């Protein structure tokens, strides 16, 4: 099986040095060293230049040198991106161009001639036609995009795709494969191979995840990564090698989206005519974690962003030292982090919100903008902080967190699904539990048994990742015979303990 793994390396430009040190030693050094020691291992990476620069300037040159060595070997390929991890779909074209330009300048300076990207990674895997147009104009051949961005949400991994408007080749992230790798559901490559047996007819798998997953977010998970990369079942390839496969190519369009979106984000809420919901398609929630029309903090943040952009881009003397400093500050200040941490769904950080707003305000002060603009920036800054502290003090954030910590807003799976489908899920859990026990993976067998206990006792409402969603990462459902076709004598005594009566 050809498998193209994509690792996204990123830390904010103002990351605390103690945290950076931990990430370097838990993830970046172990992963790059193991890649050097395993020549068969091939993959594609994105390294935002803000991080490259931070690593180089803070004594972690070995990470950069390891990546350079791997690029020279041809063992990895690298993409271009936005230097400071800006959320590109919501920025003017001029800012997209600039973020790409300064990303390339920095990475080329520190990685040398080995840095010659032919693909593109948009932070948060965020895509719309504006970004695709800029990617094409910058000369990149392909771009990573979320699986959900496919016009029907279900690309086939026996085909290649290109955007019909721009001609950019589209590499759709395989969400199930990516989730299985990063989630910790599988412990080794053999387990991973068994969990994906229904997908072995695919021509390739393309998995995209944060590099920090391996060793930092999940301690010891780099062992699983290299178990996959060195298992004889897999043929590790780069994205460019996937695009050279003799497969049919299909023109497609993308829905504006990110790797956080779910299918329900694209439908308007309607109580009537649900059978016709394909007629009420929307993209209103595509970028809601970064610009929510119902979030007053987001509104203030973007007003302050636009004020800073207007003043800097309208400044005529580009040789002026004030402009040069302000321009650099603005490049950093439009990073996506502050908006994401203000989403309250459930991401929230007063510190990140304040840092982002202060950085934008500081752009105007450094530029020595008009008194009116500086005063407006100060007011927006204070309004952002005032609203953020109000949300914190009032308990609004805690309420939002509780709403979002449950996958389905406190309604147990047993109550929100028809009895026949609930019973089908019981049989699916039982089958997955038996399969794990037969493989002597008793830890996983217990996990699926406990999942049944959860949905039976209605304590699944406390899950951040719902147990049924976890089951979906392990198998396509339905996989066993439909419940309604089962005769009573075919059902085990174990499953009968959990099944609901049908009316």
Protein backbone atom coordinates (compact mmCIF):
# COMPACT_ATOMS: atom_id res chain seq x y z
CA UNK A 1 0.00 0.00 0.00
CA UNK A 2 1.36 3.39 -1.01
CA UNK A 3 1.11 5.78 1.92
CA UNK A 4 1.94 9.48 1.73
CA UNK A 5 2.34 10.96 5.19
CA UNK A 6 2.38 14.73 5.62
CA UNK A 7 3.70 16.31 8.82
CA UNK A 8 2.94 19.97 9.58
CA UNK A 9 5.64 21.61 11.76
CA UNK A 10 4.46 24.83 13.40
CA UNK A 11 4.78 26.89 16.57
CA UNK A 12 3.69 30.51 16.99
CA UNK A 13 6.51 33.05 16.54
CA UNK A 14 6.21 34.10 20.20
CA UNK A 15 6.15 30.59 21.66
CA UNK A 16 7.65 30.42 25.15
CA UNK A 17 11.19 29.07 24.97
CA UNK A 18 10.67 26.46 27.67
CA UNK A 19 7.76 25.01 25.69
CA UNK A 20 9.76 25.14 22.45
CA UNK A 21 12.62 23.31 24.18
CA UNK A 22 10.27 20.57 25.28
CA UNK A 23 8.77 20.17 21.78
CA UNK A 24 12.22 20.03 20.19
CA UNK A 25 13.42 17.27 22.49
CA UNK A 26 10.16 15.32 22.60
CA UNK A 27 9.38 15.52 18.87
CA UNK A 28 11.54 17.43 16.39
CA UNK A 29 14.91 15.89 17.24
CA UNK A 30 13.67 12.30 17.70
CA UNK A 31 11.60 12.38 14.49
CA UNK A 32 14.27 13.96 12.26
CA UNK A 33 17.00 11.71 13.68
CA UNK A 34 14.92 8.59 13.07
CA UNK A 35 14.21 9.72 9.53
CA UNK A 36 17.95 10.02 8.90
CA UNK A 37 18.48 6.54 10.34
CA UNK A 38 15.68 5.00 8.26
CA UNK A 39 16.38 5.76 4.57
CA UNK A 40 13.26 3.87 3.47
CA UNK A 41 11.08 6.33 5.36
CA UNK A 42 9.73 8.97 2.98
CA UNK A 43 7.25 11.71 3.63
CA UNK A 44 6.23 15.29 2.89
CA UNK A 45 6.43 18.14 5.39
CA UNK A 46 5.49 21.74 5.89
CA UNK A 47 7.85 23.83 8.01
CA UNK A 48 6.48 27.32 8.56
CA UNK A 49 9.44 29.68 8.25
CA UNK A 50 8.59 31.40 11.55
CA UNK A 51 9.47 28.10 13.22
CA UNK A 52 12.58 27.56 11.07
CA UNK A 53 13.82 30.96 12.17
CA UNK A 54 12.97 30.33 15.82
CA UNK A 55 14.79 27.00 15.80
CA UNK A 56 17.88 28.51 14.19
CA UNK A 57 18.06 31.54 16.47
CA UNK A 58 17.52 29.62 19.71
CA UNK A 59 20.18 26.95 19.42
CA UNK A 60 18.25 24.17 17.69
CA UNK A 61 20.18 24.25 14.43
CA UNK A 62 20.37 20.44 14.38
CA UNK A 63 16.66 20.20 13.57
CA UNK A 64 17.09 22.54 10.60
CA UNK A 65 20.27 20.75 9.47
CA UNK A 66 18.53 17.38 9.71
CA UNK A 67 15.68 18.62 7.51
CA UNK A 68 18.17 20.08 5.03
CA UNK A 69 20.02 16.74 4.89
CA UNK A 70 16.75 14.85 4.30
CA UNK A 71 15.77 17.27 1.53
CA UNK A 72 19.15 16.84 -0.19
CA UNK A 73 18.74 13.06 0.02
CA UNK A 74 15.31 13.35 -1.59
CA UNK A 75 13.90 11.42 1.34
CA UNK A 76 11.42 14.17 2.16
CA UNK A 77 9.82 16.95 0.16
CA UNK A 78 8.71 20.28 1.57
CA UNK A 79 5.86 22.65 0.79
CA UNK A 80 5.54 26.39 0.84
CA UNK A 81 3.12 28.06 3.23
CA UNK A 82 2.39 31.31 5.10
CA UNK A 83 5.37 32.28 7.24
CA UNK A 84 3.43 33.31 10.33
CA UNK A 85 0.54 30.86 9.96
CA UNK A 86 -1.96 33.47 8.80
CA UNK A 87 -5.50 32.32 8.02
CA UNK A 88 -5.32 32.93 4.29
CA UNK A 89 -8.95 32.74 3.08
CA UNK A 90 -9.87 35.79 5.17
CA UNK A 91 -6.95 37.99 4.08
CA UNK A 92 -6.56 40.25 1.04
CA UNK A 93 -4.67 38.76 -1.90
CA UNK A 94 -1.74 41.11 -1.29
CA UNK A 95 -1.25 39.70 2.21
CA UNK A 96 -1.46 36.10 0.96
CA UNK A 97 1.26 36.90 -1.57
CA UNK A 98 3.42 38.50 1.09
CA UNK A 99 3.10 35.65 3.59
CA UNK A 100 4.18 33.21 0.86
CA UNK A 101 7.04 35.45 -0.23
CA UNK A 102 8.56 35.94 3.22
CA UNK A 103 8.07 32.25 4.03
CA UNK A 104 10.12 31.31 0.97
CA UNK A 105 12.81 33.89 1.61
CA UNK A 106 13.40 32.70 5.18
CA UNK A 107 13.28 28.98 4.43
CA UNK A 108 15.59 29.40 1.43
CA UNK A 109 18.04 31.38 3.55
CA UNK A 110 18.16 28.72 6.28
CA UNK A 111 17.64 25.53 4.26
CA UNK A 112 19.61 26.61 1.19
CA UNK A 113 19.07 25.34 -2.34
CA UNK A 114 17.49 22.17 -0.93
CA UNK A 115 14.36 24.25 -0.39
CA UNK A 116 12.41 24.14 -3.65
CA UNK A 117 8.72 23.52 -2.89
CA UNK A 118 6.33 22.45 -5.62
CA UNK A 119 3.31 22.05 -3.32
CA UNK A 120 1.48 24.29 -0.87
CA UNK A 121 0.10 23.94 2.66
CA UNK A 122 -2.45 26.50 3.81
CA UNK A 123 -2.54 26.88 7.62
CA UNK A 124 -5.47 24.98 9.15
CA UNK A 125 -5.73 23.30 5.73
CA UNK A 126 -7.99 26.26 4.91
CA UNK A 127 -9.05 26.52 1.28
CA UNK A 128 -11.27 28.60 -0.95
CA UNK A 129 -10.97 29.75 -4.56
CA UNK A 130 -9.06 32.90 -3.58
CA UNK A 131 -6.31 30.80 -1.97
CA UNK A 132 -6.21 28.38 -4.91
CA UNK A 133 -5.83 31.31 -7.31
CA UNK A 134 -2.85 32.65 -5.33
CA UNK A 135 -1.31 29.18 -5.16
CA UNK A 136 -1.55 28.88 -8.92
CA UNK A 137 -0.11 32.36 -9.50
CA UNK A 138 2.79 31.52 -7.17
CA UNK A 139 3.58 28.57 -9.44
CA UNK A 140 2.76 25.64 -7.15
CA UNK A 141 1.55 22.42 -8.72
CA UNK A 142 -0.51 20.98 -5.88
CA UNK A 143 -2.17 21.88 -2.59
CA UNK A 144 -3.27 19.86 0.45
CA UNK A 145 -7.00 20.24 1.08
CA UNK A 146 -9.45 18.74 3.61
CA UNK A 147 -11.44 15.69 2.59
CA UNK A 148 -14.61 17.62 3.46
CA UNK A 149 -13.71 20.24 0.81
CA UNK A 150 -14.54 17.75 -1.96
CA UNK A 151 -17.80 18.84 -3.58
CA UNK A 152 -19.54 15.72 -2.23
CA UNK A 153 -17.32 15.23 0.79
CA UNK A 154 -16.11 11.85 -0.43
CA UNK A 155 -13.14 11.82 -2.83
CA UNK A 156 -11.95 8.44 -4.07
CA UNK A 157 -8.41 7.40 -3.32
CA UNK A 158 -8.13 5.55 -6.60
CA UNK A 159 -8.20 8.83 -8.49
CA UNK A 160 -6.28 12.07 -8.73
CA UNK A 161 -7.99 15.45 -8.71
CA UNK A 162 -7.41 18.96 -9.97
CA UNK A 163 -9.30 22.17 -9.41
CA UNK A 164 -11.31 22.82 -12.55
CA UNK A 165 -10.95 26.60 -12.30
CA UNK A 166 -7.23 26.99 -11.52
CA UNK A 167 -5.75 23.65 -12.60
CA UNK A 168 -4.05 23.21 -9.21
CA UNK A 169 -3.80 19.52 -8.29
CA UNK A 170 -5.81 18.74 -5.16
CA UNK A 171 -4.49 16.34 -2.55
CA UNK A 172 -7.49 15.45 -0.41
CA UNK A 173 -6.58 14.47 3.13
CA UNK A 174 -7.90 11.01 4.00
CA UNK A 175 -9.67 11.83 7.25
CA UNK A 176 -10.15 8.27 8.46
CA UNK A 177 -6.55 7.23 7.85
CA UNK A 178 -5.27 10.46 9.41
CA UNK A 179 -7.50 10.00 12.46
CA UNK A 180 -6.41 6.41 12.96
CA UNK A 181 -2.77 7.43 12.94
CA UNK A 182 -2.95 10.51 15.16
CA UNK A 183 -5.64 9.37 17.61
CA UNK A 184 -3.77 6.54 19.31
CA UNK A 185 -6.54 4.05 18.43
CA UNK A 186 -3.87 1.82 16.85
CA UNK A 187 -0.74 0.85 18.75
CA UNK A 188 1.39 -0.59 15.95
CA UNK A 189 1.42 -1.08 12.18
CA UNK A 190 -0.15 -4.56 12.36
CA UNK A 191 -3.09 -3.18 14.30
CA UNK A 192 -3.36 -0.31 11.82
CA UNK A 193 -3.36 -2.70 8.86
CA UNK A 194 -6.17 -4.78 10.39
CA UNK A 195 -8.26 -1.72 11.25
CA UNK A 196 -8.10 -0.60 7.60
CA UNK A 197 -8.67 -3.96 5.87
CA UNK A 198 -11.72 -2.59 4.04
CA UNK A 199 -9.56 0.12 2.41
CA UNK A 200 -6.75 -2.04 1.04
CA UNK A 201 -8.07 -1.68 -2.52
CA UNK A 202 -7.27 2.05 -2.49
CA UNK A 203 -4.39 3.09 -4.74
CA UNK A 204 -2.89 5.30 -2.03
CA UNK A 205 -3.53 6.84 1.36
CA UNK A 206 -2.81 10.48 2.12
CA UNK A 207 -2.64 11.34 5.83
CA UNK A 208 -2.04 14.85 7.14
CA UNK A 209 -1.38 15.75 10.77
CA UNK A 210 0.64 17.99 13.08
CA UNK A 211 4.22 16.82 13.46
CA UNK A 212 3.96 17.50 17.20
CA UNK A 213 1.55 14.56 17.47
CA UNK A 214 4.56 12.26 17.53
CA UNK A 215 6.28 12.52 20.88
CA UNK A 216 4.89 15.83 22.17
CA UNK A 217 1.09 15.57 22.04
CA UNK A 218 1.35 11.79 22.37
CA UNK A 219 4.40 10.60 24.25
CA UNK A 220 6.12 7.71 22.47
CA UNK A 221 3.84 7.94 19.44
CA UNK A 222 6.85 8.42 17.16
CA UNK A 223 7.41 4.66 17.55
CA UNK A 224 4.06 4.07 15.82
CA UNK A 225 4.98 6.51 13.04
CA UNK A 226 8.18 4.67 12.21
CA UNK A 227 6.50 1.30 12.60
CA UNK A 228 4.27 2.35 9.68
CA UNK A 229 7.13 3.83 7.67
CA UNK A 230 9.25 0.67 7.96
CA UNK A 231 6.55 -2.03 7.72
CA UNK A 232 6.88 -4.08 4.48
CA UNK A 233 3.13 -3.74 3.90
CA UNK A 234 3.58 -0.03 3.20
CA UNK A 235 5.44 1.80 0.48
CA UNK A 236 6.12 5.29 1.86
CA UNK A 237 5.96 7.92 -0.89
CA UNK A 238 5.98 11.68 -1.21
CA UNK A 239 3.04 13.64 -2.57
CA UNK A 240 4.86 14.25 -5.84
CA UNK A 241 5.26 10.49 -6.25
CA UNK A 242 1.52 10.01 -5.70
CA UNK A 243 0.79 12.55 -8.42
CA UNK A 244 2.90 10.53 -10.85
CA UNK A 245 0.75 7.40 -10.44
CA UNK A 246 -1.08 6.25 -13.60
CA UNK A 247 -4.54 7.03 -12.23
CA UNK A 248 -7.56 8.72 -13.76
CA UNK A 249 -7.66 12.46 -13.07
CA UNK A 250 -10.96 14.15 -12.34
CA UNK A 251 -11.73 17.87 -12.38
CA UNK A 252 -13.33 19.02 -9.16
CA UNK A 253 -14.35 22.08 -7.21
CA UNK A 254 -13.73 22.68 -3.52
CA UNK A 255 -16.05 23.90 -0.82
CA UNK A 256 -14.52 26.60 1.39
CA UNK A 257 -13.42 24.64 4.45
CA UNK A 258 -10.71 23.66 6.93
CA UNK A 259 -9.70 20.39 8.51
CA UNK A 260 -12.00 21.17 11.47
CA UNK A 261 -15.23 21.18 9.44
CA UNK A 262 -17.90 18.49 9.53
CA UNK A 263 -20.56 17.81 6.92
CA UNK A 264 -23.30 19.43 9.00
CA UNK A 265 -21.44 22.75 8.74
CA UNK A 266 -22.61 22.95 5.14
CA UNK A 267 -26.35 22.70 5.68
CA UNK A 268 -28.75 25.38 6.79
CA UNK A 269 -30.86 24.48 9.82
CA UNK A 270 -34.36 23.66 8.66
CA UNK A 271 -37.19 21.92 10.41
CA UNK A 272 -39.13 21.26 7.23
CA UNK A 273 -38.30 19.55 3.95
CA UNK A 274 -35.21 17.82 5.30
CA UNK A 275 -35.34 15.49 2.30
CA UNK A 276 -34.50 18.51 0.15
CA UNK A 277 -31.61 19.81 2.21
CA UNK A 278 -29.27 19.57 -0.78
CA UNK A 279 -31.05 22.70 -1.96
CA UNK A 280 -30.00 24.72 1.08
CA UNK A 281 -26.24 24.32 0.90
CA UNK A 282 -24.25 27.02 2.68
CA UNK A 283 -20.66 27.94 3.47
CA UNK A 284 -21.56 30.30 6.31
CA UNK A 285 -19.85 28.10 8.92
CA UNK A 286 -16.78 27.20 6.89
CA UNK A 287 -14.43 29.48 8.81
CA UNK A 288 -16.47 29.99 11.96
CA UNK A 289 -13.59 29.25 14.38
CA UNK A 290 -11.73 32.26 12.98
CA UNK A 291 -14.55 34.61 11.99
CA UNK A 292 -17.89 33.88 13.56
CA UNK A 293 -20.54 36.50 12.68
CA UNK A 294 -22.16 35.86 16.08
CA UNK A 295 -18.93 36.32 18.04
CA UNK A 296 -18.45 39.98 19.09
CA UNK A 297 -14.78 39.40 19.97
CA UNK A 298 -14.09 38.12 16.47
CA UNK A 299 -15.84 41.19 15.08
CA UNK A 300 -13.60 43.49 17.12
CA UNK A 301 -10.46 41.51 16.28
CA UNK A 302 -11.11 41.76 12.56
CA UNK A 303 -11.95 45.45 12.80
CA UNK A 304 -8.57 46.00 14.48
CA UNK A 305 -6.88 43.80 11.87
CA UNK A 306 -8.41 45.77 9.02
CA UNK A 307 -7.39 49.05 10.64
CA UNK A 308 -3.77 47.88 10.88
CA UNK A 309 -3.80 46.57 7.29
CA UNK A 310 -5.30 49.80 5.97
CA UNK A 311 -2.67 51.98 7.66
CA UNK A 312 0.35 49.85 6.72
CA UNK A 313 -0.64 49.16 3.11
CA UNK A 314 -1.53 52.83 2.64
CA UNK A 315 1.84 54.07 3.87
CA UNK A 316 3.72 55.43 0.87
CA UNK A 317 7.35 55.56 2.02
CA UNK A 318 8.49 51.94 2.15
CA UNK A 319 12.05 53.02 2.95
CA UNK A 320 10.96 54.66 6.19
CA UNK A 321 12.28 52.77 9.20
CA UNK A 322 8.91 53.12 10.90
CA UNK A 323 7.20 51.41 7.97
CA UNK A 324 9.78 48.59 7.87
CA UNK A 325 9.30 47.85 11.58
CA UNK A 326 5.50 48.17 11.42
CA UNK A 327 5.34 45.95 8.34
CA UNK A 328 7.29 43.21 10.15
CA UNK A 329 5.05 43.52 13.20
CA UNK A 330 1.94 43.25 11.03
CA UNK A 331 3.24 40.08 9.33
CA UNK A 332 3.40 38.46 12.76
CA UNK A 333 0.24 40.02 14.18
CA UNK A 334 -2.09 38.48 11.58
CA UNK A 335 -1.25 34.92 12.67
CA UNK A 336 -4.38 32.78 12.97
CA UNK A 337 -3.90 31.93 16.65
CA UNK A 338 -5.63 34.90 18.30
CA UNK A 339 -8.86 34.35 16.35
CA UNK A 340 -8.90 30.60 17.05
CA UNK A 341 -8.38 31.12 20.79
CA UNK A 342 -11.30 33.58 20.84
CA UNK A 343 -13.73 31.15 19.24
CA UNK A 344 -14.89 29.71 22.59
CA UNK A 345 -15.90 26.54 20.73
CA UNK A 346 -14.27 25.37 23.02
CA UNK A 347 -10.91 27.04 22.36
CA UNK A 348 -10.24 29.92 24.72
CA UNK A 349 -7.19 31.77 26.00
CA UNK A 350 -7.27 35.26 27.47
CA UNK A 351 -3.50 35.42 27.10
CA UNK A 352 -3.52 34.67 23.37
CA UNK A 353 -6.41 37.08 22.75
CA UNK A 354 -4.59 39.89 24.56
CA UNK A 355 -1.25 39.20 22.84
CA UNK A 356 -2.90 39.28 19.42
CA UNK A 357 -4.80 42.50 20.07
CA UNK A 358 -1.75 44.19 21.60
CA UNK A 359 0.39 43.20 18.61
CA UNK A 360 -2.10 44.74 16.19
CA UNK A 361 -2.37 47.92 18.27
CA UNK A 362 1.42 48.12 18.40
CA UNK A 363 1.56 48.12 14.60
CA UNK A 364 -0.27 51.48 14.56
CA UNK A 365 1.92 52.92 17.32
CA UNK A 366 5.15 51.81 15.62
CA UNK A 367 3.99 53.25 12.31
CA UNK A 368 3.29 56.56 14.05
CA UNK A 369 -0.15 56.51 12.47
CA UNK A 370 -2.59 59.39 12.84
CA UNK A 371 -3.87 60.20 16.31
CA UNK A 372 -7.34 59.17 15.20
CA UNK A 373 -6.13 55.71 14.07
CA UNK A 374 -4.07 55.14 17.24
CA UNK A 375 -6.99 56.13 19.45
CA UNK A 376 -9.30 53.86 17.51
CA UNK A 377 -6.82 50.98 17.86
CA UNK A 378 -6.56 51.62 21.61
CA UNK A 379 -10.34 51.58 21.96
CA UNK A 380 -10.66 48.34 19.98
CA UNK A 381 -7.92 46.80 22.11
CA UNK A 382 -9.71 47.80 25.32
CA UNK A 383 -13.08 46.61 23.95
CA UNK A 384 -11.59 43.21 23.08
CA UNK A 385 -10.14 42.83 26.57
CA UNK A 386 -13.31 44.10 28.24
CA UNK A 387 -15.51 41.62 26.39
CA UNK A 388 -13.05 38.75 26.94
CA UNK A 389 -12.87 39.40 30.71
CA UNK A 390 -16.65 39.76 30.85
CA UNK A 391 -17.04 36.33 29.23
CA UNK A 392 -14.52 34.87 31.65
CA UNK A 393 -16.02 36.42 34.80
CA UNK A 394 -19.66 35.77 33.93
CA UNK A 395 -19.18 32.05 33.41
CA UNK A 396 -20.06 32.33 29.71
CA UNK A 397 -16.83 30.56 28.70
CA UNK A 398 -17.44 27.74 31.17
CA UNK A 399 -20.95 27.33 29.78
CA UNK A 400 -19.65 27.26 26.21
CA UNK A 401 -16.99 24.74 27.16
CA UNK A 402 -19.60 22.44 28.72
CA UNK A 403 -21.82 22.77 25.65
CA UNK A 404 -18.99 21.85 23.32
CA UNK A 405 -17.26 19.23 25.46
CA UNK A 406 -20.16 16.92 24.68
CA UNK A 407 -20.39 15.86 21.07
CA UNK A 408 -24.18 16.11 20.99
CA UNK A 409 -25.05 18.79 23.58
CA UNK A 410 -25.84 16.54 26.53
CA UNK A 411 -28.34 14.28 24.75
CA UNK A 412 -27.32 10.62 25.20
CA UNK A 413 -26.86 8.50 22.09
CA UNK A 414 -29.59 6.13 23.36
CA UNK A 415 -32.15 8.93 23.30
CA UNK A 416 -31.19 10.76 20.13
CA UNK A 417 -31.13 7.81 17.76
CA UNK A 418 -33.85 5.36 16.59
CA UNK A 419 -33.84 2.03 18.49
CA UNK A 420 -33.01 -0.03 15.39
CA UNK A 421 -29.89 2.09 14.69
CA UNK A 422 -28.89 2.05 18.34
CA UNK A 423 -29.09 -1.74 18.25
CA UNK A 424 -27.05 -1.80 15.05
CA UNK A 425 -24.30 0.15 16.83
CA UNK A 426 -24.43 -2.31 19.73
CA UNK A 427 -23.76 -5.16 17.27
CA UNK A 428 -20.95 -3.16 15.66
CA UNK A 429 -19.31 -2.57 19.04
CA UNK A 430 -19.67 -6.25 19.93
CA UNK A 431 -18.11 -7.33 16.62
CA UNK A 432 -15.20 -4.91 17.02
CA UNK A 433 -14.70 -6.14 20.59
CA UNK A 434 -14.59 -9.78 19.41
CA UNK A 435 -12.16 -8.95 16.61
CA UNK A 436 -9.81 -7.25 19.08
CA UNK A 437 -10.01 -10.21 21.48
CA UNK A 438 -9.21 -12.66 18.68
CA UNK A 439 -6.09 -10.61 17.93
CA UNK A 440 -5.28 -10.81 21.65
CA UNK A 441 -5.53 -7.04 21.81
CA UNK A 442 -7.36 -7.26 25.12
CA UNK A 443 -6.86 -3.60 25.97
CA UNK A 444 -8.83 -2.59 22.90
CA UNK A 445 -11.47 -5.26 23.51
CA UNK A 446 -12.06 -3.73 26.95
CA UNK A 447 -12.22 -0.27 25.36
CA UNK A 448 -15.10 -1.32 23.08
CA UNK A 449 -16.87 -3.18 25.91
CA UNK A 450 -16.64 -0.06 28.06
CA UNK A 451 -18.02 2.00 25.17
CA UNK A 452 -21.14 -0.20 25.23
CA UNK A 453 -21.46 0.35 28.96
CA UNK A 454 -21.21 4.11 28.38
CA UNK A 455 -23.97 4.32 25.81
CA UNK A 456 -26.14 1.95 27.85
CA UNK A 457 -25.69 4.02 31.01
CA UNK A 458 -26.04 7.28 29.04
CA UNK A 459 -22.69 8.58 30.31
CA UNK A 460 -21.47 9.11 26.74
CA UNK A 461 -22.62 12.72 27.14
CA UNK A 462 -19.35 13.49 28.94
CA UNK A 463 -17.10 12.44 26.04
CA UNK A 464 -15.04 15.02 24.17
CA UNK A 465 -14.59 12.44 21.39
CA UNK A 466 -17.79 10.42 21.36
CA UNK A 467 -17.39 6.64 21.56
CA UNK A 468 -19.47 6.13 18.40
CA UNK A 469 -17.24 8.60 16.54
CA UNK A 470 -14.25 6.56 17.73
CA UNK A 471 -15.92 3.44 16.33
CA UNK A 472 -16.27 5.20 12.96
CA UNK A 473 -12.49 5.69 12.87
CA UNK A 474 -12.03 1.94 13.30
CA UNK A 475 -14.55 0.67 10.73
CA UNK A 476 -17.13 1.62 8.16
CA UNK A 477 -20.65 1.27 9.56
CA UNK A 478 -22.71 -0.83 9.01
CA UNK A 479 -20.28 -3.71 8.69
CA UNK A 480 -22.23 -6.53 10.31
CA UNK A 481 -25.58 -7.81 9.10
CA UNK A 482 -28.35 -5.23 9.68
CA UNK A 483 -30.00 -5.64 13.07
CA UNK A 484 -33.49 -5.90 11.57
CA UNK A 485 -32.41 -8.97 9.57
CA UNK A 486 -31.17 -10.82 12.64
CA UNK A 487 -33.24 -13.62 14.15
CA UNK A 488 -33.43 -13.69 17.92
CA UNK A 489 -31.42 -16.89 18.16
CA UNK A 490 -28.58 -15.26 16.22
CA UNK A 491 -28.07 -12.62 18.89
CA UNK A 492 -25.60 -13.32 21.69
CA UNK A 493 -26.56 -13.15 25.34
CA UNK A 494 -23.93 -10.42 25.67
CA UNK A 495 -25.56 -8.14 23.08
CA UNK A 496 -29.06 -8.80 24.42
CA UNK A 497 -28.01 -7.06 27.65
CA UNK A 498 -27.66 -3.80 25.71
CA UNK A 499 -30.29 -3.98 22.96
CA UNK A 500 -33.38 -1.80 23.07
CA UNK A 501 -36.88 -3.19 22.44
CA UNK A 502 -38.49 -2.09 19.19
CA UNK A 503 -41.94 -0.52 19.31
